[in-house]
PDB file of N, CA and C in Angstrom:
ATOM      1  N   MET A   1     249.028 305.833  11.489  1.00  0.00           N
ATOM      2  CA  MET A   1     249.721 304.570  11.440  1.00  0.00           C
ATOM      3  C   MET A   1     251.212 304.863  11.530  1.00  0.00           C
ATOM      4  N   LEU A   2     251.892 304.033  12.298  1.00  0.00           N
ATOM      5  CA  LEU A   2     253.332 304.178  12.464  1.00  0.00           C
ATOM      6  C   LEU A   2     253.990 302.892  12.016  1.00  0.00           C
ATOM      7  N   LEU A   3     254.935 302.993  11.112  1.00  0.00           N
ATOM      8  CA  LEU A   3     255.694 301.838  10.665  1.00  0.00           C
ATOM      9  C   LEU A   3     257.065 301.908  11.318  1.00  0.00           C
ATOM     10  N   GLU A   4     257.485 300.804  11.928  1.00  0.00           N
ATOM     11  CA  GLU A   4     258.771 300.788  12.614  1.00  0.00           C
ATOM     12  C   GLU A   4     259.557 299.540  12.248  1.00  0.00           C
ATOM     13  N   TRP A   5     260.828 299.642  12.368  1.00  0.00           N
ATOM     14  CA  TRP A   5     261.699 298.489  12.275  1.00  0.00           C
ATOM     15  C   TRP A   5     262.501 298.477  13.562  1.00  0.00           C
ATOM     16  N   GLY A   6     262.481 297.359  14.240  1.00  0.00           N
ATOM     17  CA  GLY A   6     263.179 297.289  15.517  1.00  0.00           C
ATOM     18  C   GLY A   6     264.011 296.032  15.613  1.00  0.00           C
ATOM     19  N   ASP A   7     264.638 295.872  16.735  1.00  0.00           N
ATOM     20  CA  ASP A   7     265.477 294.720  17.019  1.00  0.00           C
ATOM     21  C   ASP A   7     264.599 293.541  17.414  1.00  0.00           C
ATOM     22  N   PRO A   8     264.623 292.436  16.658  1.00  0.00           N
ATOM     23  CA  PRO A   8     263.781 291.279  16.998  1.00  0.00           C
ATOM     24  C   PRO A   8     264.066 290.750  18.403  1.00  0.00           C
ATOM     25  N   ASN A   9     265.326 290.751  18.805  1.00  0.00           N
ATOM     26  CA  ASN A   9     265.665 290.241  20.135  1.00  0.00           C
ATOM     27  C   ASN A   9     265.018 291.080  21.230  1.00  0.00           C
ATOM     28  N   GLN A  10     265.065 292.397  21.068  1.00  0.00           N
ATOM     29  CA  GLN A  10     264.454 293.280  22.063  1.00  0.00           C
ATOM     30  C   GLN A  10     262.938 293.056  22.091  1.00  0.00           C
ATOM     31  N   HIS A  11     262.353 292.891  20.940  1.00  0.00           N
ATOM     32  CA  HIS A  11     260.909 292.660  20.857  1.00  0.00           C
ATOM     33  C   HIS A  11     260.538 291.365  21.595  1.00  0.00           C
ATOM     34  N   LEU A  12     261.290 290.285  21.336  1.00  0.00           N
ATOM     35  CA  LEU A  12     261.024 289.008  21.994  1.00  0.00           C
ATOM     36  C   LEU A  12     261.210 289.112  23.505  1.00  0.00           C
ATOM     37  N   GLN A  13     262.225 289.845  23.935  1.00  0.00           N
ATOM     38  CA  GLN A  13     262.456 290.027  25.373  1.00  0.00           C
ATOM     39  C   GLN A  13     261.304 290.789  26.025  1.00  0.00           C
ATOM     40  N   LEU A  14     260.772 291.789  25.350  1.00  0.00           N
ATOM     41  CA  LEU A  14     259.626 292.524  25.889  1.00  0.00           C
ATOM     42  C   LEU A  14     258.409 291.617  26.023  1.00  0.00           C
ATOM     43  N   LEU A  15     258.164 290.795  25.012  1.00  0.00           N
ATOM     44  CA  LEU A  15     257.037 289.863  25.067  1.00  0.00           C
ATOM     45  C   LEU A  15     257.193 288.897  26.242  1.00  0.00           C
ATOM     46  N   GLN A  16     258.401 288.390  26.433  1.00  0.00           N
ATOM     47  CA  GLN A  16     258.653 287.416  27.496  1.00  0.00           C
ATOM     48  C   GLN A  16     258.573 288.037  28.880  1.00  0.00           C
ATOM     49  N   SER A  17     258.821 289.319  28.974  1.00  0.00           N
ATOM     50  CA  SER A  17     258.803 289.982  30.276  1.00  0.00           C
ATOM     51  C   SER A  17     257.387 290.241  30.777  1.00  0.00           C
ATOM     52  N   GLY A  18     256.401 290.071  29.893  1.00  0.00           N
ATOM     53  CA  GLY A  18     255.022 290.310  30.288  1.00  0.00           C
ATOM     54  C   GLY A  18     254.591 291.757  30.115  1.00  0.00           C
ATOM     55  N   ILE A  19     255.481 292.593  29.620  1.00  0.00           N
ATOM     56  CA  ILE A  19     255.126 293.986  29.358  1.00  0.00           C
ATOM     57  C   ILE A  19     254.131 294.011  28.205  1.00  0.00           C
ATOM     58  N   SER A  20     253.066 294.725  28.369  1.00  0.00           N
ATOM     59  CA  SER A  20     252.035 294.796  27.337  1.00  0.00           C
ATOM     60  C   SER A  20     252.538 295.656  26.176  1.00  0.00           C
ATOM     61  N   ILE A  21     252.650 295.032  25.029  1.00  0.00           N
ATOM     62  CA  ILE A  21     253.060 295.752  23.824  1.00  0.00           C
ATOM     63  C   ILE A  21     251.796 296.163  23.089  1.00  0.00           C
ATOM     64  N   ARG A  22     251.668 297.433  22.845  1.00  0.00           N
ATOM     65  CA  ARG A  22     250.447 297.924  22.214  1.00  0.00           C
ATOM     66  C   ARG A  22     250.721 298.251  20.745  1.00  0.00           C
ATOM     67  N   SER A  23     251.182 297.219  20.044  1.00  0.00           N
ATOM     68  CA  SER A  23     251.367 297.359  18.603  1.00  0.00           C
ATOM     69  C   SER A  23     250.916 296.062  17.948  1.00  0.00           C
ATOM     70  N   LEU A  24     250.592 296.145  16.691  1.00  0.00           N
ATOM     71  CA  LEU A  24     250.121 294.989  15.940  1.00  0.00           C
ATOM     72  C   LEU A  24     250.907 294.888  14.646  1.00  0.00           C
ATOM     73  N   SER A  25     251.005 293.687  14.137  1.00  0.00           N
ATOM     74  CA  SER A  25     251.595 293.453  12.821  1.00  0.00           C
ATOM     75  C   SER A  25     250.484 292.976  11.907  1.00  0.00           C
ATOM     76  N   VAL A  26     250.442 293.522  10.716  1.00  0.00           N
ATOM     77  CA  VAL A  26     249.474 293.085   9.711  1.00  0.00           C
ATOM     78  C   VAL A  26     250.281 292.677   8.487  1.00  0.00           C
ATOM     79  N   ASN A  27     250.130 291.405   8.073  1.00  0.00           N
ATOM     80  CA  ASN A  27     250.899 290.960   6.911  1.00  0.00           C
ATOM     81  C   ASN A  27     250.143 291.262   5.615  1.00  0.00           C
ATOM     82  N   SER A  28     250.720 290.863   4.515  1.00  0.00           N
ATOM     83  CA  SER A  28     250.130 291.191   3.207  1.00  0.00           C
ATOM     84  C   SER A  28     248.810 290.473   2.938  1.00  0.00           C
ATOM     85  N   TYR A  29     248.492 289.455   3.745  1.00  0.00           N
ATOM     86  CA  TYR A  29     247.213 288.755   3.614  1.00  0.00           C
ATOM     87  C   TYR A  29     246.135 289.353   4.518  1.00  0.00           C
ATOM     88  N   GLY A  30     246.500 290.361   5.290  1.00  0.00           N
ATOM     89  CA  GLY A  30     245.546 290.989   6.196  1.00  0.00           C
ATOM     90  C   GLY A  30     245.510 290.352   7.578  1.00  0.00           C
ATOM     91  N   ASP A  31     246.384 289.352   7.807  1.00  0.00           N
ATOM     92  CA  ASP A  31     246.435 288.693   9.112  1.00  0.00           C
ATOM     93  C   ASP A  31     247.006 289.628  10.165  1.00  0.00           C
ATOM     94  N   ILE A  32     246.347 289.648  11.324  1.00  0.00           N
ATOM     95  CA  ILE A  32     246.766 290.523  12.426  1.00  0.00           C
ATOM     96  C   ILE A  32     247.455 289.667  13.483  1.00  0.00           C
ATOM     97  N   MET A  33     248.663 290.084  13.854  1.00  0.00           N
ATOM     98  CA  MET A  33     249.445 289.365  14.854  1.00  0.00           C
ATOM     99  C   MET A  33     249.907 290.335  15.929  1.00  0.00           C
ATOM    100  N   ILE A  34     250.124 289.791  17.116  1.00  0.00           N
ATOM    101  CA  ILE A  34     250.688 290.595  18.195  1.00  0.00           C
ATOM    102  C   ILE A  34     252.177 290.801  17.941  1.00  0.00           C
ATOM    103  N   SER A  35     252.793 289.819  17.296  1.00  0.00           N
ATOM    104  CA  SER A  35     254.218 289.878  17.002  1.00  0.00           C
ATOM    105  C   SER A  35     254.483 289.158  15.688  1.00  0.00           C
ATOM    106  N   PRO A  36     255.355 289.711  14.855  1.00  0.00           N
ATOM    107  CA  PRO A  36     255.700 289.006  13.620  1.00  0.00           C
ATOM    108  C   PRO A  36     256.582 287.781  13.884  1.00  0.00           C
ATOM    109  N   TYR A  37     257.065 287.630  15.113  1.00  0.00           N
ATOM    110  CA  TYR A  37     257.961 286.531  15.464  1.00  0.00           C
ATOM    111  C   TYR A  37     257.244 285.376  16.150  1.00  0.00           C
ATOM    112  N   VAL A  38     255.953 285.497  16.316  1.00  0.00           N
ATOM    113  CA  VAL A  38     255.160 284.457  16.968  1.00  0.00           C
ATOM    114  C   VAL A  38     254.099 284.003  15.967  1.00  0.00           C
ATOM    115  N   PRO A  39     254.031 282.695  15.654  1.00  0.00           N
ATOM    116  CA  PRO A  39     253.174 282.222  14.564  1.00  0.00           C
ATOM    117  C   PRO A  39     251.696 282.073  14.923  1.00  0.00           C
ATOM    118  N   VAL A  40     251.118 283.116  15.475  1.00  0.00           N
ATOM    119  CA  VAL A  40     249.697 283.079  15.824  1.00  0.00           C
ATOM    120  C   VAL A  40     249.020 284.315  15.235  1.00  0.00           C
ATOM    121  N   VAL A  41     247.957 284.054  14.475  1.00  0.00           N
ATOM    122  CA  VAL A  41     247.145 285.122  13.895  1.00  0.00           C
ATOM    123  C   VAL A  41     245.919 285.291  14.786  1.00  0.00           C
ATOM    124  N   PHE A  42     245.614 286.524  15.160  1.00  0.00           N
ATOM    125  CA  PHE A  42     244.493 286.809  16.053  1.00  0.00           C
ATOM    126  C   PHE A  42     243.277 287.370  15.334  1.00  0.00           C
ATOM    127  N   GLY A  43     243.387 287.563  14.037  1.00  0.00           N
ATOM    128  CA  GLY A  43     242.271 288.084  13.264  1.00  0.00           C
ATOM    129  C   GLY A  43     242.740 288.468  11.875  1.00  0.00           C
ATOM    130  N   ASN A  44     241.839 289.026  11.109  1.00  0.00           N
ATOM    131  CA  ASN A  44     242.161 289.441   9.752  1.00  0.00           C
ATOM    132  C   ASN A  44     241.329 290.671   9.403  1.00  0.00           C
ATOM    133  N   VAL A  45     241.987 291.639   8.776  1.00  0.00           N
ATOM    134  CA  VAL A  45     241.306 292.896   8.448  1.00  0.00           C
ATOM    135  C   VAL A  45     240.217 292.721   7.397  1.00  0.00           C
ATOM    136  N   ARG A  46     240.177 291.569   6.725  1.00  0.00           N
ATOM    137  CA  ARG A  46     239.093 291.301   5.775  1.00  0.00           C
ATOM    138  C   ARG A  46     237.818 290.881   6.502  1.00  0.00           C
ATOM    139  N   ASN A  47     237.970 290.441   7.761  1.00  0.00           N
ATOM    140  CA  ASN A  47     236.807 290.015   8.545  1.00  0.00           C
ATOM    141  C   ASN A  47     236.248 291.139   9.418  1.00  0.00           C
ATOM    142  N   HIS A  48     237.131 291.890  10.042  1.00  0.00           N
ATOM    143  CA  HIS A  48     236.736 292.989  10.937  1.00  0.00           C
ATOM    144  C   HIS A  48     237.811 294.074  10.870  1.00  0.00           C
ATOM    145  N   SER A  49     237.433 295.269  11.259  1.00  0.00           N
ATOM    146  CA  SER A  49     238.400 296.369  11.250  1.00  0.00           C
ATOM    147  C   SER A  49     239.387 296.231  12.409  1.00  0.00           C
ATOM    148  N   ILE A  50     240.513 296.879  12.277  1.00  0.00           N
ATOM    149  CA  ILE A  50     241.503 296.867  13.360  1.00  0.00           C
ATOM    150  C   ILE A  50     240.884 297.446  14.622  1.00  0.00           C
ATOM    151  N   LYS A  51     240.072 298.483  14.488  1.00  0.00           N
ATOM    152  CA  LYS A  51     239.407 299.062  15.663  1.00  0.00           C
ATOM    153  C   LYS A  51     238.544 298.022  16.365  1.00  0.00           C
ATOM    154  N   GLU A  52     237.808 297.214  15.584  1.00  0.00           N
ATOM    155  CA  GLU A  52     236.974 296.173  16.205  1.00  0.00           C
ATOM    156  C   GLU A  52     237.840 295.172  16.979  1.00  0.00           C
ATOM    157  N   TYR A  53     238.996 294.815  16.430  1.00  0.00           N
ATOM    158  CA  TYR A  53     239.884 293.883  17.141  1.00  0.00           C
ATOM    159  C   TYR A  53     240.445 294.524  18.409  1.00  0.00           C
ATOM    160  N   ILE A  54     240.793 295.781  18.327  1.00  0.00           N
ATOM    161  CA  ILE A  54     241.296 296.472  19.518  1.00  0.00           C
ATOM    162  C   ILE A  54     240.195 296.546  20.575  1.00  0.00           C
ATOM    163  N   ASP A  55     238.985 296.927  20.156  1.00  0.00           N
ATOM    164  CA  ASP A  55     237.859 296.998  21.098  1.00  0.00           C
ATOM    165  C   ASP A  55     237.514 295.631  21.691  1.00  0.00           C
ATOM    166  N   SER A  56     237.820 294.553  20.951  1.00  0.00           N
ATOM    167  CA  SER A  56     237.521 293.195  21.426  1.00  0.00           C
ATOM    168  C   SER A  56     238.632 292.612  22.298  1.00  0.00           C
ATOM    169  N   GLY A  57     239.710 293.361  22.490  1.00  0.00           N
ATOM    170  CA  GLY A  57     240.740 292.924  23.429  1.00  0.00           C
ATOM    171  C   GLY A  57     241.940 292.224  22.835  1.00  0.00           C
ATOM    172  N   ILE A  58     242.311 292.567  21.620  1.00  0.00           N
ATOM    173  CA  ILE A  58     243.460 291.897  21.014  1.00  0.00           C
ATOM    174  C   ILE A  58     244.748 292.110  21.820  1.00  0.00           C
ATOM    175  N   PHE A  59     244.900 293.278  22.438  1.00  0.00           N
ATOM    176  CA  PHE A  59     246.108 293.519  23.224  1.00  0.00           C
ATOM    177  C   PHE A  59     246.127 292.676  24.493  1.00  0.00           C
ATOM    178  N   GLU A  60     244.969 292.373  25.035  1.00  0.00           N
ATOM    179  CA  GLU A  60     244.900 291.553  26.243  1.00  0.00           C
ATOM    180  C   GLU A  60     245.197 290.083  25.935  1.00  0.00           C
ATOM    181  N   ALA A  61     245.084 289.690  24.663  1.00  0.00           N
ATOM    182  CA  ALA A  61     245.357 288.299  24.286  1.00  0.00           C
ATOM    183  C   ALA A  61     246.783 287.896  24.630  1.00  0.00           C
ATOM    184  N   SER A  62     247.700 288.839  24.608  1.00  0.00           N
ATOM    185  CA  SER A  62     249.100 288.514  24.921  1.00  0.00           C
ATOM    186  C   SER A  62     249.288 288.120  26.382  1.00  0.00           C
ATOM    187  N   LYS A  63     248.312 288.403  27.212  1.00  0.00           N
ATOM    188  CA  LYS A  63     248.412 288.068  28.635  1.00  0.00           C
ATOM    189  C   LYS A  63     247.906 286.654  28.938  1.00  0.00           C
ATOM    190  N   ASN A  64     247.303 285.981  27.957  1.00  0.00           N
ATOM    191  CA  ASN A  64     246.812 284.630  28.155  1.00  0.00           C
ATOM    192  C   ASN A  64     247.983 283.710  28.497  1.00  0.00           C
ATOM    193  N   ASP A  65     247.782 282.772  29.408  1.00  0.00           N
ATOM    194  CA  ASP A  65     248.854 281.873  29.862  1.00  0.00           C
ATOM    195  C   ASP A  65     249.472 281.084  28.714  1.00  0.00           C
ATOM    196  N   VAL A  66     248.647 280.591  27.795  1.00  0.00           N
ATOM    197  CA  VAL A  66     249.169 279.804  26.677  1.00  0.00           C
ATOM    198  C   VAL A  66     250.025 280.681  25.772  1.00  0.00           C
ATOM    199  N   ILE A  67     249.573 281.887  25.502  1.00  0.00           N
ATOM    200  CA  ILE A  67     250.343 282.808  24.660  1.00  0.00           C
ATOM    201  C   ILE A  67     251.650 283.168  25.355  1.00  0.00           C
ATOM    202  N   GLN A  68     251.620 283.382  26.665  1.00  0.00           N
ATOM    203  CA  GLN A  68     252.847 283.671  27.413  1.00  0.00           C
ATOM    204  C   GLN A  68     253.833 282.500  27.312  1.00  0.00           C
ATOM    205  N   LYS A  69     253.339 281.262  27.391  1.00  0.00           N
ATOM    206  CA  LYS A  69     254.223 280.093  27.238  1.00  0.00           C
ATOM    207  C   LYS A  69     254.814 280.067  25.837  1.00  0.00           C
ATOM    208  N   LEU A  70     254.013 280.424  24.860  1.00  0.00           N
ATOM    209  CA  LEU A  70     254.499 280.477  23.483  1.00  0.00           C
ATOM    210  C   LEU A  70     255.630 281.498  23.352  1.00  0.00           C
ATOM    211  N   PHE A  71     255.460 282.663  23.939  1.00  0.00           N
ATOM    212  CA  PHE A  71     256.502 283.700  23.894  1.00  0.00           C
ATOM    213  C   PHE A  71     257.816 283.178  24.458  1.00  0.00           C
ATOM    214  N   LYS A  72     257.729 282.365  25.481  1.00  0.00           N
ATOM    215  CA  LYS A  72     258.931 281.896  26.167  1.00  0.00           C
ATOM    216  C   LYS A  72     259.640 280.749  25.431  1.00  0.00           C
ATOM    217  N   THR A  73     259.063 280.259  24.318  1.00  0.00           N
ATOM    218  CA  THR A  73     259.710 279.180  23.569  1.00  0.00           C
ATOM    219  C   THR A  73     260.838 279.679  22.681  1.00  0.00           C
ATOM    220  N   VAL A  74     260.866 280.972  22.396  1.00  0.00           N
ATOM    221  CA  VAL A  74     261.893 281.544  21.526  1.00  0.00           C
ATOM    222  C   VAL A  74     262.644 282.607  22.316  1.00  0.00           C
ATOM    223  N   TYR A  75     263.948 282.455  22.391  1.00  0.00           N
ATOM    224  CA  TYR A  75     264.738 283.383  23.188  1.00  0.00           C
ATOM    225  C   TYR A  75     265.355 284.504  22.364  1.00  0.00           C
ATOM    226  N   ASN A  76     265.595 284.242  21.102  1.00  0.00           N
ATOM    227  CA  ASN A  76     266.154 285.292  20.253  1.00  0.00           C
ATOM    228  C   ASN A  76     265.896 284.935  18.792  1.00  0.00           C
ATOM    229  N   ASN A  77     266.236 285.837  17.903  1.00  0.00           N
ATOM    230  CA  ASN A  77     265.940 285.609  16.496  1.00  0.00           C
ATOM    231  C   ASN A  77     266.772 284.474  15.909  1.00  0.00           C
ATOM    232  N   MET A  78     267.888 284.134  16.511  1.00  0.00           N
ATOM    233  CA  MET A  78     268.690 283.014  16.027  1.00  0.00           C
ATOM    234  C   MET A  78     267.936 281.700  16.238  1.00  0.00           C
ATOM    235  N   ASP A  79     267.155 281.607  17.308  1.00  0.00           N
ATOM    236  CA  ASP A  79     266.314 280.417  17.511  1.00  0.00           C
ATOM    237  C   ASP A  79     265.377 280.228  16.331  1.00  0.00           C
ATOM    238  N   LEU A  80     264.821 281.312  15.861  1.00  0.00           N
ATOM    239  CA  LEU A  80     263.863 281.232  14.761  1.00  0.00           C
ATOM    240  C   LEU A  80     264.531 280.805  13.462  1.00  0.00           C
ATOM    241  N   MET A  81     265.783 281.218  13.268  1.00  0.00           N
ATOM    242  CA  MET A  81     266.462 280.908  12.017  1.00  0.00           C
ATOM    243  C   MET A  81     267.167 279.549  12.036  1.00  0.00           C
ATOM    244  N   ASN A  82     267.742 279.174  13.181  1.00  0.00           N
ATOM    245  CA  ASN A  82     268.622 278.009  13.207  1.00  0.00           C
ATOM    246  C   ASN A  82     268.110 276.799  13.969  1.00  0.00           C
ATOM    247  N   SER A  83     267.129 276.970  14.815  1.00  0.00           N
ATOM    248  CA  SER A  83     266.771 275.899  15.738  1.00  0.00           C
ATOM    249  C   SER A  83     265.359 275.375  15.532  1.00  0.00           C
ATOM    250  N   LYS A  84     264.933 275.257  14.312  1.00  0.00           N
ATOM    251  CA  LYS A  84     263.567 274.791  14.060  1.00  0.00           C
ATOM    252  C   LYS A  84     263.296 273.453  14.743  1.00  0.00           C
ATOM    253  N   ASP A  85     264.304 272.586  14.835  1.00  0.00           N
ATOM    254  CA  ASP A  85     264.089 271.272  15.442  1.00  0.00           C
ATOM    255  C   ASP A  85     263.803 271.359  16.931  1.00  0.00           C
ATOM    256  N   SER A  86     264.299 272.407  17.590  1.00  0.00           N
ATOM    257  CA  SER A  86     264.084 272.522  19.032  1.00  0.00           C
ATOM    258  C   SER A  86     262.832 273.316  19.384  1.00  0.00           C
ATOM    259  N   LEU A  87     262.201 273.903  18.386  1.00  0.00           N
ATOM    260  CA  LEU A  87     260.992 274.687  18.626  1.00  0.00           C
ATOM    261  C   LEU A  87     259.764 273.769  18.582  1.00  0.00           C
ATOM    262  N   PRO A  88     258.688 274.188  19.218  1.00  0.00           N
ATOM    263  CA  PRO A  88     257.452 273.394  19.144  1.00  0.00           C
ATOM    264  C   PRO A  88     256.983 273.225  17.699  1.00  0.00           C
ATOM    265  N   GLU A  89     256.191 272.189  17.457  1.00  0.00           N
ATOM    266  CA  GLU A  89     255.665 271.903  16.119  1.00  0.00           C
ATOM    267  C   GLU A  89     255.006 273.112  15.480  1.00  0.00           C
ATOM    268  N   LEU A  90     254.447 273.957  16.305  1.00  0.00           N
ATOM    269  CA  LEU A  90     253.737 275.136  15.824  1.00  0.00           C
ATOM    270  C   LEU A  90     254.606 275.966  14.879  1.00  0.00           C
ATOM    271  N   TYR A  91     255.908 276.041  15.139  1.00  0.00           N
ATOM    272  CA  TYR A  91     256.808 276.853  14.326  1.00  0.00           C
ATOM    273  C   TYR A  91     257.194 276.169  13.022  1.00  0.00           C
ATOM    274  N   LYS A  92     256.865 274.896  12.865  1.00  0.00           N
ATOM    275  CA  LYS A  92     257.275 274.150  11.688  1.00  0.00           C
ATOM    276  C   LYS A  92     256.213 274.142  10.598  1.00  0.00           C
ATOM    277  N   ASP A  93     255.013 274.526  10.929  1.00  0.00           N
ATOM    278  CA  ASP A  93     253.910 274.511   9.974  1.00  0.00           C
ATOM    279  C   ASP A  93     253.483 275.937   9.649  1.00  0.00           C
ATOM    280  N   GLU A  94     252.273 276.071   9.191  1.00  0.00           N
ATOM    281  CA  GLU A  94     251.727 277.390   8.894  1.00  0.00           C
ATOM    282  C   GLU A  94     251.315 278.088  10.188  1.00  0.00           C
ATOM    283  N   MET A  95     250.903 279.315  10.056  1.00  0.00           N
ATOM    284  CA  MET A  95     250.464 280.092  11.208  1.00  0.00           C
ATOM    285  C   MET A  95     249.248 279.435  11.857  1.00  0.00           C
ATOM    286  N   PHE A  96     249.166 279.548  13.181  1.00  0.00           N
ATOM    287  CA  PHE A  96     247.986 279.102  13.914  1.00  0.00           C
ATOM    288  C   PHE A  96     246.993 280.254  13.860  1.00  0.00           C
ATOM    289  N   CYS A  97     245.820 280.015  13.304  1.00  0.00           N
ATOM    290  CA  CYS A  97     244.843 281.089  13.113  1.00  0.00           C
ATOM    291  C   CYS A  97     243.694 280.980  14.101  1.00  0.00           C
ATOM    292  N   MET A  98     243.431 282.077  14.730  1.00  0.00           N
ATOM    293  CA  MET A  98     242.263 282.214  15.597  1.00  0.00           C
ATOM    294  C   MET A  98     241.739 283.622  15.383  1.00  0.00           C
ATOM    295  N   ASP A  99     240.473 283.795  15.535  1.00  0.00           N
ATOM    296  CA  ASP A  99     239.890 285.126  15.399  1.00  0.00           C
ATOM    297  C   ASP A  99     239.268 285.472  16.747  1.00  0.00           C
ATOM    298  N   ILE A 100     239.822 286.478  17.409  1.00  0.00           N
ATOM    299  CA  ILE A 100     239.361 286.786  18.765  1.00  0.00           C
ATOM    300  C   ILE A 100     237.923 287.285  18.803  1.00  0.00           C
ATOM    301  N   ILE A 101     237.365 287.615  17.650  1.00  0.00           N
ATOM    302  CA  ILE A 101     235.973 288.045  17.601  1.00  0.00           C
ATOM    303  C   ILE A 101     235.055 286.876  17.243  1.00  0.00           C
ATOM    304  N   ASP A 102     235.432 286.084  16.246  1.00  0.00           N
ATOM    305  CA  ASP A 102     234.534 285.065  15.705  1.00  0.00           C
ATOM    306  C   ASP A 102     234.697 283.663  16.292  1.00  0.00           C
ATOM    307  N   ASP A 103     235.858 283.330  16.825  1.00  0.00           N
ATOM    308  CA  ASP A 103     236.123 281.961  17.275  1.00  0.00           C
ATOM    309  C   ASP A 103     235.892 281.778  18.770  1.00  0.00           C
ATOM    310  N   SER A 104     235.703 280.530  19.156  1.00  0.00           N
ATOM    311  CA  SER A 104     235.655 280.178  20.575  1.00  0.00           C
ATOM    312  C   SER A 104     237.093 280.168  21.079  1.00  0.00           C
ATOM    313  N   LEU A 105     237.452 281.166  21.855  1.00  0.00           N
ATOM    314  CA  LEU A 105     238.839 281.291  22.297  1.00  0.00           C
ATOM    315  C   LEU A 105     239.247 280.165  23.226  1.00  0.00           C
ATOM    316  N   ILE A 106     238.328 279.682  24.036  1.00  0.00           N
ATOM    317  CA  ILE A 106     238.659 278.571  24.935  1.00  0.00           C
ATOM    318  C   ILE A 106     239.123 277.374  24.112  1.00  0.00           C
ATOM    319  N   GLU A 107     238.375 277.029  23.071  1.00  0.00           N
ATOM    320  CA  GLU A 107     238.746 275.904  22.210  1.00  0.00           C
ATOM    321  C   GLU A 107     240.070 276.156  21.500  1.00  0.00           C
ATOM    322  N   LYS A 108     240.259 277.354  20.983  1.00  0.00           N
ATOM    323  CA  LYS A 108     241.493 277.687  20.263  1.00  0.00           C
ATOM    324  C   LYS A 108     242.704 277.627  21.201  1.00  0.00           C
ATOM    325  N   TYR A 109     242.558 278.149  22.422  1.00  0.00           N
ATOM    326  CA  TYR A 109     243.672 278.103  23.370  1.00  0.00           C
ATOM    327  C   TYR A 109     243.987 276.661  23.773  1.00  0.00           C
ATOM    328  N   GLU A 110     242.980 275.800  23.834  1.00  0.00           N
ATOM    329  CA  GLU A 110     243.218 274.380  24.143  1.00  0.00           C
ATOM    330  C   GLU A 110     244.020 273.715  23.024  1.00  0.00           C
ATOM    331  N   VAL A 111     243.657 273.979  21.786  1.00  0.00           N
ATOM    332  CA  VAL A 111     244.391 273.414  20.649  1.00  0.00           C
ATOM    333  C   VAL A 111     245.822 273.943  20.643  1.00  0.00           C
ATOM    334  N   LEU A 112     245.979 275.220  20.848  1.00  0.00           N
ATOM    335  CA  LEU A 112     247.297 275.828  20.880  1.00  0.00           C
ATOM    336  C   LEU A 112     248.143 275.244  22.007  1.00  0.00           C
ATOM    337  N   SER A 113     247.532 275.027  23.138  1.00  0.00           N
ATOM    338  CA  SER A 113     248.235 274.433  24.271  1.00  0.00           C
ATOM    339  C   SER A 113     248.745 273.037  23.920  1.00  0.00           C
ATOM    340  N   ARG A 114     247.932 272.246  23.241  1.00  0.00           N
ATOM    341  CA  ARG A 114     248.363 270.905  22.810  1.00  0.00           C
ATOM    342  C   ARG A 114     249.523 270.986  21.827  1.00  0.00           C
ATOM    343  N   LEU A 115     249.469 271.943  20.902  1.00  0.00           N
ATOM    344  CA  LEU A 115     250.556 272.118  19.940  1.00  0.00           C
ATOM    345  C   LEU A 115     251.869 272.474  20.632  1.00  0.00           C
ATOM    346  N   LEU A 116     251.765 273.178  21.735  1.00  0.00           N
ATOM    347  CA  LEU A 116     252.959 273.564  22.489  1.00  0.00           C
ATOM    348  C   LEU A 116     253.431 272.466  23.433  1.00  0.00           C
ATOM    349  N   GLY A 117     252.598 271.452  23.610  1.00  0.00           N
ATOM    350  CA  GLY A 117     252.959 270.374  24.518  1.00  0.00           C
ATOM    351  C   GLY A 117     252.751 270.744  25.971  1.00  0.00           C
ATOM    352  N   CYS A 118     251.820 271.669  26.232  1.00  0.00           N
ATOM    353  CA  CYS A 118     251.535 272.121  27.615  1.00  0.00           C
ATOM    354  C   CYS A 118     250.505 271.226  28.257  1.00  0.00           C
TER     355      CYS A 118
END
């Protein structure tokens, strides 16, 4: 396991560029995210192991069109801190939770798309 601290702006720019980032964030609740700056949970270590999520394609989830649109809603970390009113509703509530192993991804992506106004 590698723990890193990086520049949030650089991380957001990489996500927006479509470059596949092969790292995951796990918060204290066990929620697994592709990015700590994007409010979408893709699974939880209490439900399945990280290996199971990787084998199920968690890294490929970032290539989904809806997720790509979500990445493009935030341009830098200042947007996250100062511009809550200009961000989609998704950023104003709790995390959007989906489990790439247990949930119907088509349904989850449709709900997420509506939250983004797509």
